[in-house]
Amino acid sequence: MKKFLWILFLGINLILLNFCAKPTVVDIVLPSDNKLNCIELENEIMQTQKIKREAEYAKEGTGGNVTRVVLFWPAWAQTLHNADVAIKAANDRTFHLLKIIRKKKCSNADKIKNEVLNSSISISNELKNLKDLYDSGDLTKEEYTKAKKKLLD
C-alpha cells in the first residue's frame, strides 16, 4: 500500500510539473541560415523576436502563474526557468542572424539592428505601462487583455 501511495505521489508531481508553461526555445544556429537572403533573414529575426515576447509574457503575473504559485510552486519555478531559457536562446539567435546580415552586407542591416534594440525596450516599457494602468483601475481586465494581445502581435 505504501509503495502504491508513493508511486501515486510521484505520478501526480510529474503531471503537475508537466503543466508548466513551456515557451518555444529556438535553435540558435540552423544549417540553412547562411543560405537565407536578406528578406528571409529579416523575417527570421521578426519570428525570433515574437517568440522572445511570448517567453517574456510567460514570466509575468498571469493567472496561470498565480495558480502555479498557489497550488504547486515548483511548477511556477519551472515556468520561470523555461522562459529564461527561451529568452536567452531568442537573444542568441537574433545576434547570430544579425551577424549573417552584416556579413552579407544587406542594405537594411543597421535598420534591423536598431528595430530589434528599440522594440525590445519599447515593448517591455509598454507592457509595464499597460500593467500599471490595469493595476490602477484605469483599464478593465478585458481592455488590458486586448491591448496586451495587440502589442504582442
Protein backbone atom coordinates (compact mmCIF):
# COMPACT_ATOMS: atom_id res chain seq x y z
CA MET A 1 0.00 0.00 0.00
CA LYS A 2 2.82 2.42 0.89
CA LYS A 3 4.53 1.65 -2.39
CA PHE A 4 1.33 2.39 -4.30
CA LEU A 5 0.88 5.73 -2.49
CA TRP A 6 4.50 6.66 -3.17
CA ILE A 7 4.10 5.88 -6.89
CA LEU A 8 0.84 7.83 -6.96
CA PHE A 9 2.53 10.80 -5.27
CA LEU A 10 5.40 10.78 -7.78
CA GLY A 11 2.99 10.43 -10.68
CA ILE A 12 0.90 13.41 -9.55
CA ASN A 13 4.04 15.52 -9.13
CA LEU A 14 5.21 14.64 -12.64
CA ILE A 15 1.82 15.53 -14.04
CA LEU A 16 1.82 18.86 -12.21
CA LEU A 17 5.31 19.70 -13.44
CA ASN A 18 4.11 18.93 -16.94
CA PHE A 19 1.63 21.80 -16.62
CA CYS A 20 4.48 24.32 -16.58
CA ALA A 21 4.45 26.92 -19.31
CA LYS A 22 6.83 25.80 -22.00
CA PRO A 23 7.77 28.75 -24.18
CA THR A 24 9.28 27.83 -27.51
CA VAL A 25 13.05 27.57 -27.38
CA VAL A 26 14.53 28.37 -30.76
CA ASP A 27 17.57 26.67 -32.20
CA ILE A 28 20.30 29.28 -32.21
CA VAL A 29 22.03 28.11 -35.38
CA LEU A 30 20.33 26.28 -38.22
CA PRO A 31 22.25 24.70 -41.11
CA SER A 32 20.28 26.71 -43.66
CA ASP A 33 20.86 30.13 -42.05
CA ASN A 34 23.70 31.10 -44.40
CA LYS A 35 21.53 30.26 -47.42
CA LEU A 36 18.81 32.76 -46.45
CA ASN A 37 18.56 36.03 -48.36
CA CYS A 38 18.25 39.41 -46.65
CA ILE A 39 14.44 39.40 -46.58
CA GLU A 40 14.31 35.86 -45.20
CA LEU A 41 16.85 36.77 -42.53
CA GLU A 42 14.73 39.76 -41.52
CA ASN A 43 11.66 37.52 -41.31
CA GLU A 44 13.57 35.03 -39.14
CA ILE A 45 14.58 37.84 -36.78
CA MET A 46 10.98 39.04 -36.54
CA GLN A 47 9.79 35.49 -35.77
CA THR A 48 12.52 35.07 -33.15
CA GLN A 49 11.56 38.36 -31.51
CA LYS A 50 7.92 37.25 -31.37
CA ILE A 51 8.96 34.05 -29.60
CA LYS A 52 11.00 36.13 -27.16
CA ARG A 53 7.99 38.34 -26.37
CA GLU A 54 5.87 35.25 -25.72
CA ALA A 55 8.51 33.93 -23.31
CA GLU A 56 8.64 37.30 -21.53
CA TYR A 57 4.86 37.19 -21.20
CA ALA A 58 5.10 33.71 -19.63
CA LYS A 59 7.17 35.23 -16.80
CA GLU A 60 4.55 37.83 -15.91
CA GLY A 61 1.98 37.53 -13.15
CA THR A 62 -0.52 35.78 -15.37
CA GLY A 63 -3.40 33.79 -13.97
CA GLY A 64 -1.56 30.59 -14.82
CA ASN A 65 1.50 31.68 -12.86
CA VAL A 66 -0.58 32.73 -9.87
CA THR A 67 -2.27 29.33 -9.92
CA ARG A 68 1.10 27.59 -10.14
CA VAL A 69 2.38 29.54 -7.11
CA VAL A 70 -0.70 28.73 -5.05
CA LEU A 71 -1.14 25.08 -6.00
CA PHE A 72 2.36 23.87 -6.79
CA TRP A 73 5.23 26.32 -6.54
CA PRO A 74 7.82 24.03 -8.26
CA ALA A 75 5.73 24.33 -11.44
CA TRP A 76 5.97 28.13 -11.16
CA ALA A 77 9.75 27.93 -10.70
CA GLN A 78 10.00 25.63 -13.72
CA THR A 79 7.92 28.06 -15.79
CA LEU A 80 10.30 30.90 -14.94
CA HIS A 81 13.28 28.74 -15.80
CA ASN A 82 11.73 27.68 -19.13
CA ALA A 83 11.02 31.30 -20.01
CA ASP A 84 14.58 32.36 -19.16
CA VAL A 85 16.00 29.62 -21.39
CA ALA A 86 13.68 30.65 -24.25
CA ILE A 87 14.60 34.34 -23.91
CA LYS A 88 18.33 33.60 -23.90
CA ALA A 89 18.02 31.35 -26.96
CA ALA A 90 15.98 34.00 -28.80
CA ASN A 91 18.58 36.67 -28.00
CA ASP A 92 21.41 34.42 -29.15
CA ARG A 93 19.59 33.53 -32.38
CA THR A 94 18.89 37.19 -33.10
CA PHE A 95 22.56 38.04 -32.59
CA HIS A 96 23.57 35.13 -34.86
CA LEU A 97 21.19 36.29 -37.61
CA LEU A 98 22.37 39.90 -37.30
CA LYS A 99 25.96 38.72 -37.85
CA ILE A 100 24.89 36.95 -41.05
CA ILE A 101 23.04 40.07 -42.22
CA ARG A 102 26.17 42.17 -41.70
CA LYS A 103 28.33 39.53 -43.40
CA LYS A 104 26.01 39.51 -46.43
CA LYS A 105 26.05 43.34 -46.41
CA CYS A 106 22.28 43.61 -46.55
CA SER A 107 21.19 47.17 -47.19
CA ASN A 108 18.85 47.17 -44.20
CA ALA A 109 21.29 45.73 -41.61
CA ASP A 110 21.51 48.85 -39.46
CA LYS A 111 17.77 49.45 -39.65
CA ILE A 112 17.02 45.89 -38.49
CA LYS A 113 19.53 46.11 -35.65
CA ASN A 114 18.01 49.39 -34.43
CA GLU A 115 14.47 48.00 -34.70
CA VAL A 116 15.43 44.95 -32.64
CA LEU A 117 17.02 47.08 -29.94
CA ASN A 118 14.20 49.64 -29.90
CA SER A 119 11.40 47.07 -29.99
CA SER A 120 12.87 45.14 -27.06
CA ILE A 121 12.97 48.29 -24.97
CA SER A 122 9.67 49.79 -26.10
CA ILE A 123 7.59 46.60 -25.87
CA SER A 124 8.88 45.97 -22.37
CA ASN A 125 8.02 49.53 -21.36
CA GLU A 126 4.61 49.36 -23.00
CA LEU A 127 3.79 46.12 -21.18
CA LYS A 128 4.78 47.71 -17.88
CA ASN A 129 2.67 50.79 -18.66
CA LEU A 130 -0.34 48.63 -19.52
CA LYS A 131 0.07 46.66 -16.29
CA ASP A 132 0.27 49.89 -14.29
CA LEU A 133 -2.91 51.17 -15.94
CA TYR A 134 -4.67 47.90 -15.19
CA ASP A 135 -3.46 47.82 -11.57
CA SER A 136 -4.62 51.39 -11.02
CA GLY A 137 -8.10 50.56 -12.34
CA ASP A 138 -7.85 52.75 -15.45
CA LEU A 139 -8.25 49.68 -17.67
CA THR A 140 -10.70 46.83 -17.29
CA LYS A 141 -9.38 43.29 -17.49
CA GLU A 142 -10.86 42.96 -20.99
CA GLU A 143 -9.24 46.21 -22.17
CA TYR A 144 -5.92 45.19 -20.65
CA THR A 145 -6.04 41.76 -22.30
CA LYS A 146 -6.92 43.21 -25.71
CA ALA A 147 -4.21 45.88 -25.52
CA LYS A 148 -1.58 43.37 -24.43
CA LYS A 149 -2.54 40.93 -27.18
CA LYS A 150 -2.37 43.71 -29.76
CA LEU A 151 1.04 44.81 -28.50
CA LEU A 152 2.47 41.28 -28.52
CA ASP A 153 1.13 40.53 -32.00
